[in-house]
Amino acid sequence: MSIASRYLAYLCLAVCSALACSHPIRRPTLASGTGSPTGSAYPIAVDVNKVGTYPAWTKSGAGYVYDEVLEYRVWINPPGGGDDYHKAFPTYEEALAFSQSTSGTEEPLVLILQREWIDEPKPGQFVRKNGERLTEWKVEWLVGSKRSPDTIDRFLQEHQRK
């Protein structure tokens, strides 16, 4: 090995060691098991490239469970009047920051996809529904409501006894 090659190898080793020591490894964490591995308090959009492409007018609320988070929305009510419109974000934190720093905005909402959900046509009467459904929810409704294979069956069993 030549002196130049040896010097280059030592230099690379020194740089790599310095970088490894100067930046701690950050492990993904989930806030109370509800967030995403990015450190966000809530799940990030399932496809960040599609954020902002979903229809503005969708269903609102209902369903009890969700399958995917599509985007976080901040609705804007123009101070001088005019039609309301929204701005979309891949994370709740981005939506919240925009909402807090922009006048005429509402609290962030989340647009979700439901492939299977629970309909309540009458108070206390619950029915399983299937098919793709887009709906806006309050962000806090995400906590503990991600659908798993047995979520709806358990919900229906628990509410039949009441």
C-alpha atoms as a PDB file:
ATOM      1  CA  MET A   1       0.000   0.000   0.000  1.00  0.00           C
ATOM      2  CA  SER A   2       1.457   3.357  -0.997  1.00  0.00           C
ATOM      3  CA  ILE A   3       1.822   6.258   1.424  1.00  0.00           C
ATOM      4  CA  ALA A   4      -0.893   8.203  -0.435  1.00  0.00           C
ATOM      5  CA  SER A   5      -3.316   5.274  -0.215  1.00  0.00           C
ATOM      6  CA  ARG A   6      -2.558   4.755   3.463  1.00  0.00           C
ATOM      7  CA  TYR A   7      -3.041   8.493   4.124  1.00  0.00           C
ATOM      8  CA  LEU A   8      -6.369   8.453   2.269  1.00  0.00           C
ATOM      9  CA  ALA A   9      -7.538   5.403   4.240  1.00  0.00           C
ATOM     10  CA  TYR A  10      -6.629   7.071   7.575  1.00  0.00           C
ATOM     11  CA  LEU A  11      -8.333  10.271   6.488  1.00  0.00           C
ATOM     12  CA  CYS A  12     -11.543   8.402   5.577  1.00  0.00           C
ATOM     13  CA  LEU A  13     -11.452   6.522   8.885  1.00  0.00           C
ATOM     14  CA  ALA A  14     -10.982   9.769  10.823  1.00  0.00           C
ATOM     15  CA  VAL A  15     -13.852  11.517   9.023  1.00  0.00           C
ATOM     16  CA  CYS A  16     -16.210   8.559   9.486  1.00  0.00           C
ATOM     17  CA  SER A  17     -15.305   8.301  13.182  1.00  0.00           C
ATOM     18  CA  ALA A  18     -15.870  12.003  13.717  1.00  0.00           C
ATOM     19  CA  LEU A  19     -19.250  11.876  12.005  1.00  0.00           C
ATOM     20  CA  ALA A  20     -20.319   8.800  13.950  1.00  0.00           C
ATOM     21  CA  CYS A  21     -19.417  10.439  17.252  1.00  0.00           C
ATOM     22  CA  SER A  22     -20.912  13.829  16.534  1.00  0.00           C
ATOM     23  CA  HIS A  23     -24.451  12.754  15.578  1.00  0.00           C
ATOM     24  CA  PRO A  24     -26.368  10.489  17.931  1.00  0.00           C
ATOM     25  CA  ILE A  25     -28.439   7.780  16.312  1.00  0.00           C
ATOM     26  CA  ARG A  26     -32.095   8.665  16.536  1.00  0.00           C
ATOM     27  CA  ARG A  27     -34.443   5.776  16.824  1.00  0.00           C
ATOM     28  CA  PRO A  28     -38.034   6.158  15.614  1.00  0.00           C
ATOM     29  CA  THR A  29     -40.453   6.616  18.484  1.00  0.00           C
ATOM     30  CA  LEU A  30     -44.203   6.464  18.649  1.00  0.00           C
ATOM     31  CA  ALA A  31     -46.109   8.837  20.883  1.00  0.00           C
ATOM     32  CA  SER A  32     -48.195   6.545  23.083  1.00  0.00           C
ATOM     33  CA  GLY A  33     -48.310   4.034  20.258  1.00  0.00           C
ATOM     34  CA  THR A  34     -50.413   6.369  18.127  1.00  0.00           C
ATOM     35  CA  GLY A  35     -47.927   8.273  16.050  1.00  0.00           C
ATOM     36  CA  SER A  36     -45.533   7.577  13.263  1.00  0.00           C
ATOM     37  CA  PRO A  37     -41.877   6.561  13.262  1.00  0.00           C
ATOM     38  CA  THR A  38     -40.957  10.086  12.113  1.00  0.00           C
ATOM     39  CA  GLY A  39     -41.711  11.530  15.548  1.00  0.00           C
ATOM     40  CA  SER A  40     -45.036  13.013  14.487  1.00  0.00           C
ATOM     41  CA  ALA A  41     -47.810  12.835  17.071  1.00  0.00           C
ATOM     42  CA  TYR A  42     -50.118  11.332  14.442  1.00  0.00           C
ATOM     43  CA  PRO A  43     -49.563   9.110  11.377  1.00  0.00           C
ATOM     44  CA  ILE A  44     -48.138  10.834   8.323  1.00  0.00           C
ATOM     45  CA  ALA A  45     -49.978  10.720   4.995  1.00  0.00           C
ATOM     46  CA  VAL A  46     -49.777   7.284   3.389  1.00  0.00           C
ATOM     47  CA  ASP A  47     -48.556   8.776   0.072  1.00  0.00           C
ATOM     48  CA  VAL A  48     -47.011  12.229   0.440  1.00  0.00           C
ATOM     49  CA  ASN A  49     -46.936  12.597  -3.354  1.00  0.00           C
ATOM     50  CA  LYS A  50     -50.757  12.588  -3.425  1.00  0.00           C
ATOM     51  CA  VAL A  51     -51.238  15.189  -0.701  1.00  0.00           C
ATOM     52  CA  GLY A  52     -53.316  18.022  -2.120  1.00  0.00           C
ATOM     53  CA  THR A  53     -54.795  15.957  -4.966  1.00  0.00           C
ATOM     54  CA  TYR A  54     -57.880  14.617  -3.183  1.00  0.00           C
ATOM     55  CA  PRO A  55     -61.328  16.162  -3.728  1.00  0.00           C
ATOM     56  CA  ALA A  56     -62.084  19.176  -1.553  1.00  0.00           C
ATOM     57  CA  TRP A  57     -65.620  18.092  -0.760  1.00  0.00           C
ATOM     58  CA  THR A  58     -65.908  14.718   0.968  1.00  0.00           C
ATOM     59  CA  LYS A  59     -67.931  13.093   3.699  1.00  0.00           C
ATOM     60  CA  SER A  60     -67.547  14.487   7.188  1.00  0.00           C
ATOM     61  CA  GLY A  61     -66.992  12.402  10.315  1.00  0.00           C
ATOM     62  CA  ALA A  62     -68.522   9.021  11.118  1.00  0.00           C
ATOM     63  CA  GLY A  63     -67.355   5.480  10.617  1.00  0.00           C
ATOM     64  CA  TYR A  64     -65.535   4.894  13.950  1.00  0.00           C
ATOM     65  CA  VAL A  65     -62.427   3.416  12.248  1.00  0.00           C
ATOM     66  CA  TYR A  66     -59.987   4.407   9.516  1.00  0.00           C
ATOM     67  CA  ASP A  67     -57.653   2.544   7.193  1.00  0.00           C
ATOM     68  CA  GLU A  68     -55.290   5.253   5.901  1.00  0.00           C
ATOM     69  CA  VAL A  69     -54.426   8.874   6.603  1.00  0.00           C
ATOM     70  CA  LEU A  70     -54.441  10.691   3.266  1.00  0.00           C
ATOM     71  CA  GLU A  71     -53.625  14.272   4.330  1.00  0.00           C
ATOM     72  CA  TYR A  72     -54.122  16.922   6.985  1.00  0.00           C
ATOM     73  CA  ARG A  73     -56.226  19.897   5.930  1.00  0.00           C
ATOM     74  CA  VAL A  74     -56.519  23.462   7.104  1.00  0.00           C
ATOM     75  CA  TRP A  75     -59.637  25.197   5.868  1.00  0.00           C
ATOM     76  CA  ILE A  76     -59.271  28.896   5.167  1.00  0.00           C
ATOM     77  CA  ASN A  77     -62.138  31.361   5.433  1.00  0.00           C
ATOM     78  CA  PRO A  78     -61.000  34.444   3.474  1.00  0.00           C
ATOM     79  CA  PRO A  79     -61.282  37.457   5.824  1.00  0.00           C
ATOM     80  CA  GLY A  80     -62.725  39.645   3.055  1.00  0.00           C
ATOM     81  CA  GLY A  81     -65.289  37.028   2.058  1.00  0.00           C
ATOM     82  CA  GLY A  82     -65.317  34.581  -0.815  1.00  0.00           C
ATOM     83  CA  ASP A  83     -65.281  30.818  -1.060  1.00  0.00           C
ATOM     84  CA  ASP A  84     -63.596  28.742   1.624  1.00  0.00           C
ATOM     85  CA  TYR A  85     -60.656  26.650   0.464  1.00  0.00           C
ATOM     86  CA  HIS A  86     -58.099  24.370   2.086  1.00  0.00           C
ATOM     87  CA  LYS A  87     -54.370  23.787   2.134  1.00  0.00           C
ATOM     88  CA  ALA A  88     -53.133  20.193   2.513  1.00  0.00           C
ATOM     89  CA  PHE A  89     -50.129  18.857   4.430  1.00  0.00           C
ATOM     90  CA  PRO A  90     -48.539  15.410   4.921  1.00  0.00           C
ATOM     91  CA  THR A  91     -48.168  15.838   8.706  1.00  0.00           C
ATOM     92  CA  TYR A  92     -50.310  17.186  11.491  1.00  0.00           C
ATOM     93  CA  GLU A  93     -47.480  19.365  12.780  1.00  0.00           C
ATOM     94  CA  GLU A  94     -47.139  21.194   9.453  1.00  0.00           C
ATOM     95  CA  ALA A  95     -50.900  21.747   9.308  1.00  0.00           C
ATOM     96  CA  LEU A  96     -50.999  22.999  12.888  1.00  0.00           C
ATOM     97  CA  ALA A  97     -48.105  25.416  12.337  1.00  0.00           C
ATOM     98  CA  PHE A  98     -49.824  26.830   9.252  1.00  0.00           C
ATOM     99  CA  SER A  99     -53.140  27.111  11.091  1.00  0.00           C
ATOM    100  CA  GLN A 100     -51.561  28.953  14.009  1.00  0.00           C
ATOM    101  CA  SER A 101     -49.620  31.381  11.822  1.00  0.00           C
ATOM    102  CA  THR A 102     -52.295  32.247   9.251  1.00  0.00           C
ATOM    103  CA  SER A 103     -55.392  34.367   9.847  1.00  0.00           C
ATOM    104  CA  GLY A 104     -58.782  33.096   8.787  1.00  0.00           C
ATOM    105  CA  THR A 105     -57.888  29.430   9.312  1.00  0.00           C
ATOM    106  CA  GLU A 106     -59.643  26.663  11.184  1.00  0.00           C
ATOM    107  CA  GLU A 107     -58.089  23.894  13.292  1.00  0.00           C
ATOM    108  CA  PRO A 108     -56.505  21.124  11.188  1.00  0.00           C
ATOM    109  CA  LEU A 109     -58.667  18.201  10.113  1.00  0.00           C
ATOM    110  CA  VAL A 110     -57.498  14.856   8.753  1.00  0.00           C
ATOM    111  CA  LEU A 111     -58.702  13.301   5.513  1.00  0.00           C
ATOM    112  CA  ILE A 112     -58.916   9.540   5.906  1.00  0.00           C
ATOM    113  CA  LEU A 113     -59.713   6.556   3.734  1.00  0.00           C
ATOM    114  CA  GLN A 114     -62.152   3.988   5.065  1.00  0.00           C
ATOM    115  CA  ARG A 115     -62.356   0.652   3.262  1.00  0.00           C
ATOM    116  CA  GLU A 116     -64.614  -0.805   5.912  1.00  0.00           C
ATOM    117  CA  TRP A 117     -66.399   1.200   8.581  1.00  0.00           C
ATOM    118  CA  ILE A 118     -69.270   1.239  11.060  1.00  0.00           C
ATOM    119  CA  ASP A 119     -72.448   3.068  10.110  1.00  0.00           C
ATOM    120  CA  GLU A 120     -74.899   4.208  12.792  1.00  0.00           C
ATOM    121  CA  PRO A 121     -78.208   4.838  10.956  1.00  0.00           C
ATOM    122  CA  LYS A 122     -80.024   5.244  14.288  1.00  0.00           C
ATOM    123  CA  PRO A 123     -78.518   5.925  17.704  1.00  0.00           C
ATOM    124  CA  GLY A 124     -77.193   2.626  19.065  1.00  0.00           C
ATOM    125  CA  GLN A 125     -77.805   0.692  15.811  1.00  0.00           C
ATOM    126  CA  PHE A 126     -74.478  -0.247  14.198  1.00  0.00           C
ATOM    127  CA  VAL A 127     -73.977  -1.704  10.724  1.00  0.00           C
ATOM    128  CA  ARG A 128     -70.788  -2.836   8.983  1.00  0.00           C
ATOM    129  CA  LYS A 129     -70.189  -1.065   5.653  1.00  0.00           C
ATOM    130  CA  ASN A 130     -67.690  -1.807   2.885  1.00  0.00           C
ATOM    131  CA  GLY A 131     -66.295   0.215  -0.002  1.00  0.00           C
ATOM    132  CA  GLU A 132     -63.894   3.101  -0.308  1.00  0.00           C
ATOM    133  CA  ARG A 133     -65.011   6.217   1.516  1.00  0.00           C
ATOM    134  CA  LEU A 134     -63.132   9.498   1.980  1.00  0.00           C
ATOM    135  CA  THR A 135     -64.079  11.539   5.012  1.00  0.00           C
ATOM    136  CA  GLU A 136     -62.717  14.370   7.126  1.00  0.00           C
ATOM    137  CA  TRP A 137     -62.264  13.745  10.818  1.00  0.00           C
ATOM    138  CA  LYS A 138     -61.151  15.681  13.849  1.00  0.00           C
ATOM    139  CA  VAL A 139     -57.486  14.779  14.237  1.00  0.00           C
ATOM    140  CA  GLU A 140     -57.911  13.473  17.790  1.00  0.00           C
ATOM    141  CA  TRP A 141     -60.288  10.779  16.511  1.00  0.00           C
ATOM    142  CA  LEU A 142     -57.269   8.987  14.996  1.00  0.00           C
ATOM    143  CA  VAL A 143     -56.085   7.838  18.412  1.00  0.00           C
ATOM    144  CA  GLY A 144     -56.947   4.170  18.861  1.00  0.00           C
ATOM    145  CA  SER A 145     -59.177   3.936  15.791  1.00  0.00           C
ATOM    146  CA  LYS A 146     -56.915   2.400  13.115  1.00  0.00           C
ATOM    147  CA  ARG A 147     -58.811  -0.588  11.774  1.00  0.00           C
ATOM    148  CA  SER A 148     -57.312  -4.030  12.242  1.00  0.00           C
ATOM    149  CA  PRO A 149     -58.808  -7.285  10.917  1.00  0.00           C
ATOM    150  CA  ASP A 150     -60.981  -7.800  14.028  1.00  0.00           C
ATOM    151  CA  THR A 151     -61.712  -4.209  15.093  1.00  0.00           C
ATOM    152  CA  ILE A 152     -65.222  -4.031  13.649  1.00  0.00           C
ATOM    153  CA  ASP A 153     -66.220  -7.507  14.869  1.00  0.00           C
ATOM    154  CA  ARG A 154     -65.118  -6.611  18.406  1.00  0.00           C
ATOM    155  CA  PHE A 155     -66.924  -3.247  18.246  1.00  0.00           C
ATOM    156  CA  LEU A 156     -70.162  -4.875  17.065  1.00  0.00           C
ATOM    157  CA  GLN A 157     -69.949  -7.599  19.740  1.00  0.00           C
ATOM    158  CA  GLU A 158     -69.347  -5.036  22.502  1.00  0.00           C
ATOM    159  CA  HIS A 159     -72.238  -2.830  21.367  1.00  0.00           C
ATOM    160  CA  GLN A 160     -74.747  -5.679  20.933  1.00  0.00           C
ATOM    161  CA  ARG A 161     -74.545  -6.397  24.653  1.00  0.00           C
ATOM    162  CA  LYS A 162     -75.466  -2.851  25.630  1.00  0.00           C
END
